[in-house]
Amino acid sequence: MDGILGIKKDQTQKFRTDGKRIPVTIVEVNSNAVIAIKTADKDGYWAIQLGYGTAKKPTRPMQGHIKGAHLEKAPQFLREVRMRDTKNADELPKVGDFISLTDVLEAGDVIDVTGVSKGKGFAGGVKRYHFHGGPATHGQSDRHRAPGSIGSGTTPGRVYKGKRMAGKMGFETVTVKNLTVAGIDGTTLYVEGLIPGKLGALVAVEKKDKKDKKYADLIDLAAKVQKEEPKETKGPEEPKVEEVADQPVIVSEASQSESPVKEDSSPSAQNDNEKKEGISVETEAKEKTEAPVEEANKEEAK
């Protein structure tokens, strides 16, 4: 495929990764339906007829024309895209297929955009052809925006065809060539530069067989791609033990009497404990030896 249809949505500006600020036109490109295929044997040329949008009240001829595509609703617009390379005719899409934006274009492609320019109505020569008008001084009060002379007198005795004069301006099919695809985000096409037509107008994008050598990604799209990249999967993390800071504990007198006293593990405390244990053992031995002596003295006294 060499072309696709879309709708002009907005004009803004973007920054590229190389730091350059560029004007950008946003084009919404939904799926294009293949309505018909023109061949050299039957029609005298190679082309693909695309349909875009949805018609509110399609005519009966239109309904009969799209019958072969088996569409649920008739398209609002029909346009043909000429085929430059007809060697791979077998690889052409079939009637009824849908073509997406990424099937045709990618970032960095050089394109031509065709659309219908804005209608300006009836305009004079100054606005339409940029005439500079008459002098503003020396008694000229009504010739400031006049076109001036439009021809000689006797010869040729008429006005040549194609003379630039006042008339209807705009609403013409205009093609802007050699633009660059600044980026693609889903169904949104970012075109570097300005394209003809008002907002909501149909535009046809034709792909050229070359790339822009100075192309650089848009910062917004580059940041979005980095966010969407999957992170490296790591093993299960060990549960973290929360460290509680040492805090003074207030203990009441009742709790001090009931709570057991903690043993001190310092070397001086161990020596004191050993001494206490030795004294207790001696007292127990004395009590055992003194008990039978006292009993014997009581019996003698009786």
Protein backbone atom coordinates (compact mmCIF):
# COMPACT_ATOMS: atom_id res chain seq x y z
CA MET A 1 0.00 0.00 0.00
CA ASP A 2 1.14 3.49 -0.89
CA GLY A 3 -1.52 5.61 0.79
CA ILE A 4 -4.22 5.90 3.43
CA LEU A 5 -7.07 8.26 4.42
CA GLY A 6 -7.48 10.23 7.64
CA ILE A 7 -9.12 13.21 9.34
CA LYS A 8 -7.25 16.39 10.27
CA LYS A 9 -7.70 16.92 14.01
CA ASP A 10 -5.39 19.62 15.29
CA GLN A 11 -2.25 21.71 14.72
CA THR A 12 0.30 22.09 17.51
CA GLN A 13 4.03 21.97 18.18
CA LYS A 14 6.30 19.26 19.58
CA PHE A 15 9.90 18.83 20.66
CA ARG A 16 12.19 16.19 19.22
CA THR A 17 14.87 14.28 21.07
CA ASP A 18 17.55 16.35 19.32
CA GLY A 19 16.12 19.51 20.95
CA LYS A 20 14.43 20.97 17.87
CA ARG A 21 10.90 22.39 18.08
CA ILE A 22 8.74 21.55 15.07
CA PRO A 23 5.17 22.36 13.92
CA VAL A 24 3.01 19.23 13.98
CA THR A 25 -0.37 18.38 12.45
CA ILE A 26 -2.36 15.63 14.17
CA VAL A 27 -4.26 13.30 11.84
CA GLU A 28 -6.60 10.58 13.07
CA VAL A 29 -6.37 7.49 10.87
CA ASN A 30 -8.82 4.71 11.65
CA SER A 31 -9.11 1.52 9.63
CA ASN A 32 -9.65 2.05 5.89
CA ALA A 33 -11.96 -0.40 4.13
CA VAL A 34 -10.98 -1.72 0.70
CA ILE A 35 -14.03 -1.07 -1.51
CA ALA A 36 -12.66 -1.98 -4.96
CA ILE A 37 -9.44 -2.76 -6.80
CA LYS A 38 -8.76 -1.21 -10.21
CA THR A 39 -6.57 -3.25 -12.58
CA ALA A 40 -4.83 -2.38 -15.82
CA ASP A 41 -6.67 -5.11 -17.76
CA LYS A 42 -10.13 -3.98 -16.74
CA ASP A 43 -9.78 -0.28 -15.87
CA GLY A 44 -6.56 0.73 -17.62
CA TYR A 45 -4.63 1.54 -14.42
CA TRP A 46 -3.76 0.08 -11.02
CA ALA A 47 -5.40 1.59 -7.96
CA ILE A 48 -7.13 0.70 -4.69
CA GLN A 49 -10.37 2.39 -3.73
CA LEU A 50 -10.58 3.09 0.00
CA GLY A 51 -13.56 4.01 2.14
CA TYR A 52 -13.41 6.07 5.32
CA GLY A 53 -15.94 7.11 7.95
CA THR A 54 -19.65 6.28 8.14
CA ALA A 55 -22.36 7.81 5.98
CA LYS A 56 -25.54 8.83 7.79
CA LYS A 57 -27.87 8.44 4.78
CA PRO A 58 -26.14 6.44 2.03
CA THR A 59 -27.72 6.48 -1.40
CA ARG A 60 -28.87 3.32 -3.17
CA PRO A 61 -26.07 3.51 -5.76
CA MET A 62 -23.56 3.66 -2.90
CA GLN A 63 -25.18 0.68 -1.19
CA GLY A 64 -24.93 -1.31 -4.40
CA HIS A 65 -21.32 -0.23 -4.95
CA ILE A 66 -20.13 -1.47 -1.54
CA LYS A 67 -22.11 -4.72 -1.69
CA GLY A 68 -19.03 -6.70 -2.70
CA ALA A 69 -17.08 -5.45 0.35
CA HIS A 70 -19.74 -6.81 2.77
CA LEU A 71 -19.65 -3.73 4.99
CA GLU A 72 -22.20 -3.16 7.72
CA LYS A 73 -22.38 0.59 7.02
CA ALA A 74 -21.53 2.61 3.94
CA PRO A 75 -18.42 4.83 4.15
CA GLN A 76 -18.68 8.60 4.12
CA PHE A 77 -15.72 9.16 1.78
CA LEU A 78 -14.35 7.23 -1.21
CA ARG A 79 -10.86 7.89 -2.58
CA GLU A 80 -8.49 6.03 -4.89
CA VAL A 81 -4.82 5.41 -4.18
CA ARG A 82 -2.70 4.79 -7.28
CA MET A 83 -0.24 1.89 -7.20
CA ARG A 84 3.30 2.71 -8.31
CA ASP A 85 4.65 -0.84 -8.09
CA THR A 86 2.43 -3.43 -9.79
CA LYS A 87 4.95 -6.29 -9.85
CA ASN A 88 3.56 -7.81 -6.65
CA ALA A 89 -0.08 -7.62 -7.68
CA ASP A 90 -0.81 -10.90 -5.91
CA GLU A 91 0.07 -9.28 -2.56
CA LEU A 92 -2.60 -6.58 -2.88
CA PRO A 93 -5.34 -6.56 -0.24
CA LYS A 94 -8.68 -8.08 -1.12
CA VAL A 95 -12.04 -6.36 -1.32
CA GLY A 96 -13.51 -6.15 2.17
CA ASP A 97 -10.16 -6.02 4.02
CA PHE A 98 -9.30 -3.26 6.46
CA ILE A 99 -6.00 -1.41 6.37
CA SER A 100 -4.54 0.15 9.52
CA LEU A 101 -2.11 3.04 9.89
CA THR A 102 0.88 0.88 10.83
CA ASP A 103 0.36 -1.28 7.73
CA VAL A 104 1.25 1.67 5.48
CA LEU A 105 3.41 4.18 7.39
CA GLU A 106 6.12 4.29 10.01
CA ALA A 107 8.03 7.08 11.71
CA GLY A 108 10.52 8.82 9.44
CA ASP A 109 8.67 8.20 6.15
CA VAL A 110 8.40 11.01 3.60
CA ILE A 111 4.81 11.64 2.50
CA ASP A 112 2.61 13.85 0.32
CA VAL A 113 -0.64 15.09 1.88
CA THR A 114 -3.61 16.07 -0.27
CA GLY A 115 -6.65 17.92 1.02
CA VAL A 116 -9.18 20.63 0.20
CA SER A 117 -8.07 24.07 1.34
CA LYS A 118 -10.23 26.40 3.41
CA GLY A 119 -12.78 28.45 1.47
CA LYS A 120 -12.24 32.23 1.75
CA GLY A 121 -15.21 33.35 -0.33
CA PHE A 122 -14.94 36.28 -2.78
CA ALA A 123 -11.61 38.06 -2.24
CA GLY A 124 -9.86 41.01 -3.87
CA GLY A 125 -6.51 41.03 -5.62
CA VAL A 126 -4.56 42.13 -2.52
CA LYS A 127 -5.73 39.16 -0.45
CA ARG A 128 -5.94 36.66 -3.30
CA TYR A 129 -2.68 37.40 -5.16
CA HIS A 130 -0.85 39.71 -2.72
CA PHE A 131 -1.07 42.86 -4.87
CA HIS A 132 0.57 45.80 -3.05
CA GLY A 133 -2.22 48.24 -3.97
CA GLY A 134 -2.00 51.88 -5.04
CA PRO A 135 -0.17 54.79 -3.37
CA ALA A 136 -1.42 56.01 -0.03
CA THR A 137 -0.63 59.70 -0.70
CA HIS A 138 -0.70 62.30 -3.49
CA GLY A 139 -4.47 62.57 -3.54
CA GLN A 140 -5.19 58.81 -3.78
CA SER A 141 -8.16 58.28 -1.50
CA ASP A 142 -9.88 55.25 -3.08
CA ARG A 143 -7.06 53.32 -4.82
CA HIS A 144 -5.34 51.71 -1.85
CA ARG A 145 -6.47 48.16 -2.65
CA ALA A 146 -7.34 48.54 -6.34
CA PRO A 147 -5.83 46.06 -8.87
CA GLY A 148 -4.64 48.74 -11.29
CA SER A 149 -4.60 48.40 -15.07
CA ILE A 150 -5.82 45.10 -16.56
CA GLY A 151 -4.67 45.64 -20.18
CA SER A 152 -4.05 48.07 -23.00
CA GLY A 153 -6.64 49.83 -25.14
CA THR A 154 -6.98 49.23 -28.86
CA THR A 155 -4.51 46.37 -28.98
CA PRO A 156 -5.43 43.74 -28.11
CA GLY A 157 -8.79 45.28 -27.29
CA ARG A 158 -9.64 42.65 -24.71
CA VAL A 159 -8.49 41.17 -21.38
CA TYR A 160 -6.28 38.09 -21.59
CA LYS A 161 -7.61 34.87 -20.10
CA GLY A 162 -6.16 33.98 -16.74
CA LYS A 163 -5.66 37.57 -15.69
CA ARG A 164 -5.19 37.79 -11.94
CA MET A 165 -8.24 39.63 -10.62
CA ALA A 166 -10.71 39.45 -7.74
CA GLY A 167 -12.72 36.23 -7.42
CA LYS A 168 -13.49 33.21 -5.26
CA MET A 169 -10.54 32.18 -3.15
CA GLY A 170 -9.77 28.81 -1.53
CA PHE A 171 -11.72 25.53 -1.51
CA GLU A 172 -9.26 23.92 -3.92
CA THR A 173 -7.51 20.57 -3.93
CA VAL A 174 -3.99 21.22 -2.67
CA THR A 175 -1.06 18.80 -2.25
CA VAL A 176 1.81 19.56 0.11
CA LYS A 177 4.84 17.46 -0.82
CA ASN A 178 7.80 16.00 1.03
CA LEU A 179 6.52 16.14 4.59
CA THR A 180 7.82 13.79 7.28
CA VAL A 181 5.99 11.40 9.59
CA ALA A 182 7.06 12.75 13.00
CA GLY A 183 5.55 9.86 14.93
CA ILE A 184 2.75 7.30 15.22
CA ASP A 185 0.77 6.58 18.39
CA GLY A 186 -1.98 4.02 17.84
CA THR A 187 -4.39 5.57 15.34
CA THR A 188 -2.82 9.04 15.68
CA LEU A 189 -0.46 10.25 12.97
CA TYR A 190 1.89 13.17 13.70
CA VAL A 191 2.94 14.99 10.52
CA GLU A 192 5.87 17.40 10.68
CA GLY A 193 4.56 20.56 9.05
CA LEU A 194 1.18 21.99 8.07
CA ILE A 195 -1.35 20.42 5.72
CA PRO A 196 -4.33 21.89 3.82
CA GLY A 197 -7.90 21.78 5.04
CA LYS A 198 -9.92 22.79 8.07
CA LEU A 199 -10.19 20.73 11.25
CA GLY A 200 -12.32 17.65 10.61
CA ALA A 201 -11.58 17.60 6.87
CA LEU A 202 -10.54 14.48 4.96
CA VAL A 203 -6.90 14.20 3.89
CA ALA A 204 -5.14 11.60 1.76
CA VAL A 205 -1.61 10.59 2.77
CA GLU A 206 0.63 9.15 0.05
CA LYS A 207 3.88 7.41 0.96
CA LYS A 208 7.08 8.13 -0.94
CA ASP A 209 9.96 5.71 -1.50
CA LYS A 210 12.43 7.49 0.79
CA LYS A 211 13.19 8.31 4.41
CA ASP A 212 14.01 11.56 6.18
CA LYS A 213 17.74 11.41 7.05
CA LYS A 214 17.36 14.08 9.77
CA TYR A 215 14.48 12.31 11.53
CA ALA A 216 14.42 12.21 15.34
CA ASP A 217 11.75 10.82 17.69
CA LEU A 218 9.32 13.05 19.52
CA ILE A 219 10.07 13.43 23.22
CA ASP A 220 6.48 12.54 24.23
CA LEU A 221 6.47 9.28 22.25
CA ALA A 222 10.00 8.35 23.33
CA ALA A 223 9.06 8.78 27.00
CA LYS A 224 5.90 6.72 26.49
CA VAL A 225 7.88 3.85 24.92
CA GLN A 226 10.28 3.83 27.87
CA LYS A 227 7.37 3.57 30.32
CA GLU A 228 5.81 0.69 28.41
CA GLU A 229 9.04 -1.36 28.38
CA PRO A 230 8.68 -4.38 30.73
CA LYS A 231 10.85 -4.27 33.82
CA GLU A 232 13.23 -7.10 34.70
CA THR A 233 11.56 -9.74 36.87
CA LYS A 234 13.34 -10.42 40.14
CA GLY A 235 12.93 -13.22 42.69
CA PRO A 236 10.65 -12.92 45.71
CA GLU A 237 11.93 -10.30 48.09
CA GLU A 238 12.72 -11.30 51.67
CA PRO A 239 10.30 -9.92 54.24
CA LYS A 240 11.66 -6.80 55.84
CA VAL A 241 11.99 -6.80 59.65
CA GLU A 242 10.94 -3.52 61.09
CA GLU A 243 13.45 -2.23 63.62
CA VAL A 244 11.82 -0.70 66.68
CA ALA A 245 13.83 2.03 68.32
CA ASP A 246 14.68 1.63 72.02
CA GLN A 247 12.13 3.53 74.04
CA PRO A 248 12.00 4.04 77.82
CA VAL A 249 9.39 1.83 79.47
CA ILE A 250 7.60 3.10 82.59
CA VAL A 251 6.93 0.30 85.09
CA SER A 252 4.66 0.75 88.09
CA GLU A 253 5.54 -0.43 91.63
CA ALA A 254 3.02 -3.30 91.47
CA SER A 255 4.44 -4.56 88.24
CA GLN A 256 7.98 -4.31 89.68
CA SER A 257 7.03 -6.56 92.57
CA GLU A 258 5.29 -9.08 90.34
CA SER A 259 7.70 -9.07 87.41
CA PRO A 260 10.82 -11.25 87.71
CA VAL A 261 14.14 -9.48 88.02
CA LYS A 262 16.38 -9.88 85.01
CA GLU A 263 19.79 -11.47 85.66
CA ASP A 264 22.82 -9.36 84.92
CA SER A 265 25.31 -11.09 82.64
CA SER A 266 28.31 -8.86 83.51
CA PRO A 267 31.43 -10.55 85.05
CA SER A 268 31.11 -8.69 88.39
CA ALA A 269 27.51 -9.86 88.70
CA GLN A 270 28.57 -13.46 88.01
CA ASN A 271 31.16 -13.34 90.86
CA ASP A 272 28.54 -12.00 93.25
CA ASN A 273 26.17 -14.80 92.30
CA GLU A 274 28.87 -17.42 92.90
CA LYS A 275 29.63 -15.99 96.36
CA LYS A 276 25.93 -16.02 97.26
CA GLU A 277 25.60 -19.63 96.14
CA GLY A 278 28.66 -20.64 98.28
CA ILE A 279 27.20 -18.98 101.39
CA SER A 280 23.85 -20.66 100.92
CA VAL A 281 25.51 -24.10 100.65
CA GLU A 282 27.46 -23.55 103.90
CA THR A 283 24.37 -22.47 105.81
CA GLU A 284 22.47 -25.55 104.65
CA ALA A 285 25.33 -27.84 105.84
CA LYS A 286 25.44 -26.11 109.25
CA GLU A 287 21.70 -26.50 109.72
CA LYS A 288 21.93 -30.20 108.92
CA THR A 289 24.76 -30.80 111.47
CA GLU A 290 23.25 -28.65 114.20
CA ALA A 291 19.80 -30.22 114.05
CA PRO A 292 20.75 -33.70 115.54
CA VAL A 293 22.92 -32.08 118.30
CA GLU A 294 20.01 -29.97 119.49
CA GLU A 295 17.71 -33.01 119.57
CA ALA A 296 20.25 -34.95 121.69
CA ASN A 297 20.61 -32.10 124.22
CA LYS A 298 16.81 -31.94 124.62
CA GLU A 299 16.62 -35.69 125.41
CA GLU A 300 19.39 -35.42 128.07
CA ALA A 301 17.59 -32.56 129.70
CA LYS A 302 14.44 -34.63 130.06
